[in-house]
Amino acid sequence: MKMKKPDPRIFQLTLEKLGCPPEECVYIDDRRYNLEAAQALGMDTVLFNSRNVPYGGKAVTGFGELADMLAGR
């Protein structure tokens, strides 16, 4: 494919392969810069913030917290 995050094309290709609209998808990453491309396409995003970096969006610090967040989505 010769593309990698945060290239927006990889997110678009993934959406096409899944057959899902972006608003039905949640993208989770531990790098803030990777979230921006997914957000630009309309995906919901969550920062897996195990390093406790400042971030103003949705963030979790562990898998239990992530599971709870997704269950309540």
PDB file of N, CA and C in Angstrom:
ATOM      1  N   MET A   1       0.817  -1.191   0.000  1.00  0.00           N
ATOM      2  CA  MET A   1       0.000   0.000   0.000  1.00  0.00           C
ATOM      3  C   MET A   1       0.862   1.257   0.000  1.00  0.00           C
ATOM      4  N   LYS A   2       2.057   1.130   0.541  1.00  0.00           N
ATOM      5  CA  LYS A   2       3.019   2.231   0.537  1.00  0.00           C
ATOM      6  C   LYS A   2       2.468   3.505   1.170  1.00  0.00           C
ATOM      7  N   MET A   3       1.744   3.337   2.256  1.00  0.00           N
ATOM      8  CA  MET A   3       1.277   4.478   3.028  1.00  0.00           C
ATOM      9  C   MET A   3       1.216   4.060   4.482  1.00  0.00           C
ATOM     10  N   LYS A   4       1.328   5.042   5.352  1.00  0.00           N
ATOM     11  CA  LYS A   4       1.288   4.752   6.777  1.00  0.00           C
ATOM     12  C   LYS A   4       0.650   5.927   7.513  1.00  0.00           C
ATOM     13  N   LYS A   5       0.309   5.688   8.752  1.00  0.00           N
ATOM     14  CA  LYS A   5      -0.247   6.752   9.577  1.00  0.00           C
ATOM     15  C   LYS A   5       0.784   7.862   9.700  1.00  0.00           C
ATOM     16  N   PRO A   6       0.384   9.079   9.668  1.00  0.00           N
ATOM     17  CA  PRO A   6      -0.961   9.637   9.670  1.00  0.00           C
ATOM     18  C   PRO A   6      -1.505  10.014   8.291  1.00  0.00           C
ATOM     19  N   ASP A   7      -1.024   9.402   7.232  1.00  0.00           N
ATOM     20  CA  ASP A   7      -1.530   9.685   5.884  1.00  0.00           C
ATOM     21  C   ASP A   7      -3.043   9.434   5.851  1.00  0.00           C
ATOM     22  N   PRO A   8      -3.849  10.444   5.535  1.00  0.00           N
ATOM     23  CA  PRO A   8      -5.299  10.270   5.530  1.00  0.00           C
ATOM     24  C   PRO A   8      -5.791   9.162   4.595  1.00  0.00           C
ATOM     25  N   ARG A   9      -5.003   8.861   3.579  1.00  0.00           N
ATOM     26  CA  ARG A   9      -5.424   7.822   2.627  1.00  0.00           C
ATOM     27  C   ARG A   9      -5.550   6.457   3.287  1.00  0.00           C
ATOM     28  N   ILE A  10      -4.736   6.169   4.287  1.00  0.00           N
ATOM     29  CA  ILE A  10      -4.820   4.862   4.939  1.00  0.00           C
ATOM     30  C   ILE A  10      -6.116   4.734   5.729  1.00  0.00           C
ATOM     31  N   PHE A  11      -6.567   5.836   6.320  1.00  0.00           N
ATOM     32  CA  PHE A  11      -7.837   5.822   7.039  1.00  0.00           C
ATOM     33  C   PHE A  11      -9.006   5.681   6.063  1.00  0.00           C
ATOM     34  N   GLN A  12      -8.925   6.397   4.936  1.00  0.00           N
ATOM     35  CA  GLN A  12      -9.974   6.303   3.922  1.00  0.00           C
ATOM     36  C   GLN A  12     -10.043   4.888   3.355  1.00  0.00           C
ATOM     37  N   LEU A  13      -8.909   4.285   3.071  1.00  0.00           N
ATOM     38  CA  LEU A  13      -8.880   2.923   2.553  1.00  0.00           C
ATOM     39  C   LEU A  13      -9.486   1.948   3.564  1.00  0.00           C
ATOM     40  N   THR A  14      -9.150   2.128   4.821  1.00  0.00           N
ATOM     41  CA  THR A  14      -9.698   1.264   5.865  1.00  0.00           C
ATOM     42  C   THR A  14     -11.213   1.386   5.929  1.00  0.00           C
ATOM     43  N   LEU A  15     -11.728   2.604   5.862  1.00  0.00           N
ATOM     44  CA  LEU A  15     -13.180   2.801   5.870  1.00  0.00           C
ATOM     45  C   LEU A  15     -13.832   2.116   4.669  1.00  0.00           C
ATOM     46  N   GLU A  16     -13.216   2.237   3.509  1.00  0.00           N
ATOM     47  CA  GLU A  16     -13.755   1.599   2.307  1.00  0.00           C
ATOM     48  C   GLU A  16     -13.757   0.082   2.458  1.00  0.00           C
ATOM     49  N   LYS A  17     -12.661  -0.486   2.956  1.00  0.00           N
ATOM     50  CA  LYS A  17     -12.571  -1.943   3.127  1.00  0.00           C
ATOM     51  C   LYS A  17     -13.590  -2.450   4.142  1.00  0.00           C
ATOM     52  N   LEU A  18     -13.801  -1.679   5.208  1.00  0.00           N
ATOM     53  CA  LEU A  18     -14.780  -2.075   6.220  1.00  0.00           C
ATOM     54  C   LEU A  18     -16.214  -1.835   5.764  1.00  0.00           C
ATOM     55  N   GLY A  19     -16.389  -0.934   4.822  1.00  0.00           N
ATOM     56  CA  GLY A  19     -17.729  -0.586   4.366  1.00  0.00           C
ATOM     57  C   GLY A  19     -18.510   0.195   5.408  1.00  0.00           C
ATOM     58  N   CYS A  20     -17.788   0.962   6.204  1.00  0.00           N
ATOM     59  CA  CYS A  20     -18.411   1.725   7.287  1.00  0.00           C
ATOM     60  C   CYS A  20     -18.267   3.220   7.045  1.00  0.00           C
ATOM     61  N   PRO A  21     -19.291   3.985   7.398  1.00  0.00           N
ATOM     62  CA  PRO A  21     -19.113   5.440   7.356  1.00  0.00           C
ATOM     63  C   PRO A  21     -18.241   5.873   8.536  1.00  0.00           C
ATOM     64  N   PRO A  22     -17.495   6.940   8.379  1.00  0.00           N
ATOM     65  CA  PRO A  22     -16.570   7.350   9.438  1.00  0.00           C
ATOM     66  C   PRO A  22     -17.241   7.643  10.774  1.00  0.00           C
ATOM     67  N   GLU A  23     -18.467   8.146  10.752  1.00  0.00           N
ATOM     68  CA  GLU A  23     -19.129   8.490  12.004  1.00  0.00           C
ATOM     69  C   GLU A  23     -19.515   7.261  12.829  1.00  0.00           C
ATOM     70  N   GLU A  24     -19.395   6.067  12.260  1.00  0.00           N
ATOM     71  CA  GLU A  24     -19.665   4.834  12.997  1.00  0.00           C
ATOM     72  C   GLU A  24     -18.377   4.166  13.502  1.00  0.00           C
ATOM     73  N   CYS A  25     -17.247   4.830  13.307  1.00  0.00           N
ATOM     74  CA  CYS A  25     -15.960   4.245  13.667  1.00  0.00           C
ATOM     75  C   CYS A  25     -15.285   5.030  14.784  1.00  0.00           C
ATOM     76  N   VAL A  26     -14.547   4.299  15.600  1.00  0.00           N
ATOM     77  CA  VAL A  26     -13.719   4.904  16.640  1.00  0.00           C
ATOM     78  C   VAL A  26     -12.280   4.496  16.358  1.00  0.00           C
ATOM     79  N   TYR A  27     -11.418   5.482  16.261  1.00  0.00           N
ATOM     80  CA  TYR A  27      -9.999   5.214  16.048  1.00  0.00           C
ATOM     81  C   TYR A  27      -9.266   5.517  17.349  1.00  0.00           C
ATOM     82  N   ILE A  28      -8.466   4.563  17.803  1.00  0.00           N
ATOM     83  CA  ILE A  28      -7.728   4.673  19.055  1.00  0.00           C
ATOM     84  C   ILE A  28      -6.240   4.583  18.743  1.00  0.00           C
ATOM     85  N   ASP A  29      -5.466   5.515  19.279  1.00  0.00           N
ATOM     86  CA  ASP A  29      -4.025   5.522  19.033  1.00  0.00           C
ATOM     87  C   ASP A  29      -3.333   6.139  20.235  1.00  0.00           C
ATOM     88  N   ASP A  30      -2.056   5.851  20.371  1.00  0.00           N
ATOM     89  CA  ASP A  30      -1.289   6.438  21.473  1.00  0.00           C
ATOM     90  C   ASP A  30      -0.472   7.643  21.020  1.00  0.00           C
ATOM     91  N   ARG A  31      -0.706   8.103  19.806  1.00  0.00           N
ATOM     92  CA  ARG A  31      -0.019   9.285  19.274  1.00  0.00           C
ATOM     93  C   ARG A  31      -1.058  10.302  18.819  1.00  0.00           C
ATOM     94  N   ARG A  32      -0.961  11.498  19.376  1.00  0.00           N
ATOM     95  CA  ARG A  32      -1.943  12.542  19.041  1.00  0.00           C
ATOM     96  C   ARG A  32      -1.969  12.866  17.557  1.00  0.00           C
ATOM     97  N   TYR A  33      -0.799  12.909  16.926  1.00  0.00           N
ATOM     98  CA  TYR A  33      -0.752  13.296  15.515  1.00  0.00           C
ATOM     99  C   TYR A  33      -1.452  12.288  14.607  1.00  0.00           C
ATOM    100  N   ASN A  34      -1.563  11.040  15.018  1.00  0.00           N
ATOM    101  CA  ASN A  34      -2.294  10.057  14.213  1.00  0.00           C
ATOM    102  C   ASN A  34      -3.805  10.259  14.320  1.00  0.00           C
ATOM    103  N   LEU A  35      -4.267  10.850  15.407  1.00  0.00           N
ATOM    104  CA  LEU A  35      -5.698  11.067  15.591  1.00  0.00           C
ATOM    105  C   LEU A  35      -6.239  12.140  14.654  1.00  0.00           C
ATOM    106  N   GLU A  36      -5.435  13.109  14.314  1.00  0.00           N
ATOM    107  CA  GLU A  36      -5.894  14.239  13.516  1.00  0.00           C
ATOM    108  C   GLU A  36      -6.446  13.828  12.158  1.00  0.00           C
ATOM    109  N   ALA A  37      -5.784  12.915  11.470  1.00  0.00           N
ATOM    110  CA  ALA A  37      -6.259  12.478  10.146  1.00  0.00           C
ATOM    111  C   ALA A  37      -7.593  11.752  10.264  1.00  0.00           C
ATOM    112  N   ALA A  38      -7.740  10.917  11.279  1.00  0.00           N
ATOM    113  CA  ALA A  38      -8.999  10.204  11.489  1.00  0.00           C
ATOM    114  C   ALA A  38     -10.123  11.178  11.820  1.00  0.00           C
ATOM    115  N   GLN A  39      -9.830  12.176  12.642  1.00  0.00           N
ATOM    116  CA  GLN A  39     -10.823  13.189  12.995  1.00  0.00           C
ATOM    117  C   GLN A  39     -11.254  13.976  11.762  1.00  0.00           C
ATOM    118  N   ALA A  40     -10.308  14.298  10.890  1.00  0.00           N
ATOM    119  CA  ALA A  40     -10.619  15.065   9.683  1.00  0.00           C
ATOM    120  C   ALA A  40     -11.591  14.327   8.778  1.00  0.00           C
ATOM    121  N   LEU A  41     -11.603  12.998   8.847  1.00  0.00           N
ATOM    122  CA  LEU A  41     -12.533  12.206   8.037  1.00  0.00           C
ATOM    123  C   LEU A  41     -13.873  12.004   8.732  1.00  0.00           C
ATOM    124  N   GLY A  42     -13.983  12.447   9.982  1.00  0.00           N
ATOM    125  CA  GLY A  42     -15.244  12.327  10.704  1.00  0.00           C
ATOM    126  C   GLY A  42     -15.302  11.173  11.685  1.00  0.00           C
ATOM    127  N   MET A  43     -14.173  10.509  11.907  1.00  0.00           N
ATOM    128  CA  MET A  43     -14.144   9.407  12.867  1.00  0.00           C
ATOM    129  C   MET A  43     -14.050   9.956  14.286  1.00  0.00           C
ATOM    130  N   ASP A  44     -14.649   9.241  15.227  1.00  0.00           N
ATOM    131  CA  ASP A  44     -14.469   9.532  16.632  1.00  0.00           C
ATOM    132  C   ASP A  44     -13.077   9.026  17.008  1.00  0.00           C
ATOM    133  N   THR A  45     -12.385   9.715  17.884  1.00  0.00           N
ATOM    134  CA  THR A  45     -11.025   9.300  18.240  1.00  0.00           C
ATOM    135  C   THR A  45     -10.842   9.288  19.752  1.00  0.00           C
ATOM    136  N   VAL A  46      -9.934   8.428  20.188  1.00  0.00           N
ATOM    137  CA  VAL A  46      -9.574   8.316  21.598  1.00  0.00           C
ATOM    138  C   VAL A  46      -8.057   8.183  21.672  1.00  0.00           C
ATOM    139  N   LEU A  47      -7.454   8.998  22.512  1.00  0.00           N
ATOM    140  CA  LEU A  47      -6.024   8.884  22.752  1.00  0.00           C
ATOM    141  C   LEU A  47      -5.790   7.869  23.857  1.00  0.00           C
ATOM    142  N   PHE A  48      -5.006   6.832  23.570  1.00  0.00           N
ATOM    143  CA  PHE A  48      -4.576   5.884  24.598  1.00  0.00           C
ATOM    144  C   PHE A  48      -3.367   6.541  25.251  1.00  0.00           C
ATOM    145  N   ASN A  49      -3.634   7.250  26.332  1.00  0.00           N
ATOM    146  CA  ASN A  49      -2.682   8.187  26.907  1.00  0.00           C
ATOM    147  C   ASN A  49      -1.908   7.569  28.072  1.00  0.00           C
ATOM    148  N   SER A  50      -1.164   6.529  27.806  1.00  0.00           N
ATOM    149  CA  SER A  50      -0.402   5.856  28.855  1.00  0.00           C
ATOM    150  C   SER A  50       0.792   6.684  29.329  1.00  0.00           C
ATOM    151  N   ARG A  51       1.155   7.709  28.562  1.00  0.00           N
ATOM    152  CA  ARG A  51       2.274   8.578  28.941  1.00  0.00           C
ATOM    153  C   ARG A  51       1.797   9.863  29.629  1.00  0.00           C
ATOM    154  N   ASN A  52       0.469   9.994  29.802  1.00  0.00           N
ATOM    155  CA  ASN A  52      -0.123  11.158  30.480  1.00  0.00           C
ATOM    156  C   ASN A  52       0.310  12.494  29.879  1.00  0.00           C
ATOM    157  N   VAL A  53       0.244  12.599  28.565  1.00  0.00           N
ATOM    158  CA  VAL A  53       0.557  13.863  27.907  1.00  0.00           C
ATOM    159  C   VAL A  53      -0.692  14.744  27.914  1.00  0.00           C
ATOM    160  N   PRO A  54      -0.522  16.051  27.916  1.00  0.00           N
ATOM    161  CA  PRO A  54      -1.683  16.939  27.876  1.00  0.00           C
ATOM    162  C   PRO A  54      -2.476  16.717  26.588  1.00  0.00           C
ATOM    163  N   TYR A  55      -3.789  16.586  26.727  1.00  0.00           N
ATOM    164  CA  TYR A  55      -4.653  16.363  25.561  1.00  0.00           C
ATOM    165  C   TYR A  55      -6.057  16.809  25.920  1.00  0.00           C
ATOM    166  N   GLY A  56      -6.685  17.555  25.035  1.00  0.00           N
ATOM    167  CA  GLY A  56      -8.009  18.100  25.310  1.00  0.00           C
ATOM    168  C   GLY A  56      -9.167  17.241  24.860  1.00  0.00           C
ATOM    169  N   GLY A  57      -8.895  16.162  24.138  1.00  0.00           N
ATOM    170  CA  GLY A  57      -9.976  15.316  23.627  1.00  0.00           C
ATOM    171  C   GLY A  57     -10.222  14.104  24.512  1.00  0.00           C
ATOM    172  N   LYS A  58     -10.945  13.145  23.964  1.00  0.00           N
ATOM    173  CA  LYS A  58     -11.211  11.906  24.693  1.00  0.00           C
ATOM    174  C   LYS A  58      -9.905  11.144  24.876  1.00  0.00           C
ATOM    175  N   ALA A  59      -9.684  10.666  26.101  1.00  0.00           N
ATOM    176  CA  ALA A  59      -8.449   9.945  26.388  1.00  0.00           C
ATOM    177  C   ALA A  59      -8.700   8.911  27.480  1.00  0.00           C
ATOM    178  N   VAL A  60      -7.934   7.845  27.410  1.00  0.00           N
ATOM    179  CA  VAL A  60      -7.939   6.811  28.443  1.00  0.00           C
ATOM    180  C   VAL A  60      -6.490   6.497  28.784  1.00  0.00           C
ATOM    181  N   THR A  61      -6.287   5.906  29.964  1.00  0.00           N
ATOM    182  CA  THR A  61      -4.922   5.570  30.363  1.00  0.00           C
ATOM    183  C   THR A  61      -4.695   4.066  30.468  1.00  0.00           C
ATOM    184  N   GLY A  62      -5.738   3.274  30.241  1.00  0.00           N
ATOM    185  CA  GLY A  62      -5.587   1.828  30.326  1.00  0.00           C
ATOM    186  C   GLY A  62      -6.713   1.109  29.602  1.00  0.00           C
ATOM    187  N   PHE A  63      -6.553  -0.199  29.435  1.00  0.00           N
ATOM    188  CA  PHE A  63      -7.529  -0.986  28.680  1.00  0.00           C
ATOM    189  C   PHE A  63      -8.874  -1.097  29.386  1.00  0.00           C
ATOM    190  N   GLY A  64      -8.874  -1.170  30.702  1.00  0.00           N
ATOM    191  CA  GLY A  64     -10.132  -1.227  31.436  1.00  0.00           C
ATOM    192  C   GLY A  64     -10.950   0.033  31.224  1.00  0.00           C
ATOM    193  N   GLU A  65     -10.280   1.165  31.299  1.00  0.00           N
ATOM    194  CA  GLU A  65     -10.942   2.452  31.067  1.00  0.00           C
ATOM    195  C   GLU A  65     -11.451   2.550  29.628  1.00  0.00           C
ATOM    196  N   LEU A  66     -10.670   2.037  28.682  1.00  0.00           N
ATOM    197  CA  LEU A  66     -11.090   2.029  27.281  1.00  0.00           C
ATOM    198  C   LEU A  66     -12.331   1.171  27.094  1.00  0.00           C
ATOM    199  N   ALA A  67     -12.353  -0.011  27.683  1.00  0.00           N
ATOM    200  CA  ALA A  67     -13.511  -0.888  27.568  1.00  0.00           C
ATOM    201  C   ALA A  67     -14.749  -0.232  28.149  1.00  0.00           C
ATOM    202  N   ASP A  68     -14.600   0.433  29.281  1.00  0.00           N
ATOM    203  CA  ASP A  68     -15.734   1.128  29.896  1.00  0.00           C
ATOM    204  C   ASP A  68     -16.231   2.249  28.995  1.00  0.00           C
ATOM    205  N   MET A  69     -15.304   3.001  28.410  1.00  0.00           N
ATOM    206  CA  MET A  69     -15.694   4.101  27.526  1.00  0.00           C
ATOM    207  C   MET A  69     -16.450   3.591  26.306  1.00  0.00           C
ATOM    208  N   LEU A  70     -15.923   2.541  25.693  1.00  0.00           N
ATOM    209  CA  LEU A  70     -16.562   2.004  24.487  1.00  0.00           C
ATOM    210  C   LEU A  70     -17.905   1.365  24.793  1.00  0.00           C
ATOM    211  N   ALA A  71     -18.038   0.760  25.956  1.00  0.00           N
ATOM    212  CA  ALA A  71     -19.311   0.142  26.335  1.00  0.00           C
ATOM    213  C   ALA A  71     -20.393   1.200  26.522  1.00  0.00           C
ATOM    214  N   GLY A  72     -19.997   2.383  26.965  1.00  0.00           N
ATOM    215  CA  GLY A  72     -20.952   3.440  27.181  1.00  0.00           C
ATOM    216  C   GLY A  72     -21.176   4.317  25.985  1.00  0.00           C
ATOM    217  N   ARG A  73     -20.517   4.045  24.899  1.00  0.00           N
ATOM    218  CA  ARG A  73     -20.588   4.866  23.679  1.00  0.00           C
ATOM    219  C   ARG A  73     -21.954   4.918  23.137  1.00  0.00           C
TER     220      ARG A  73
END
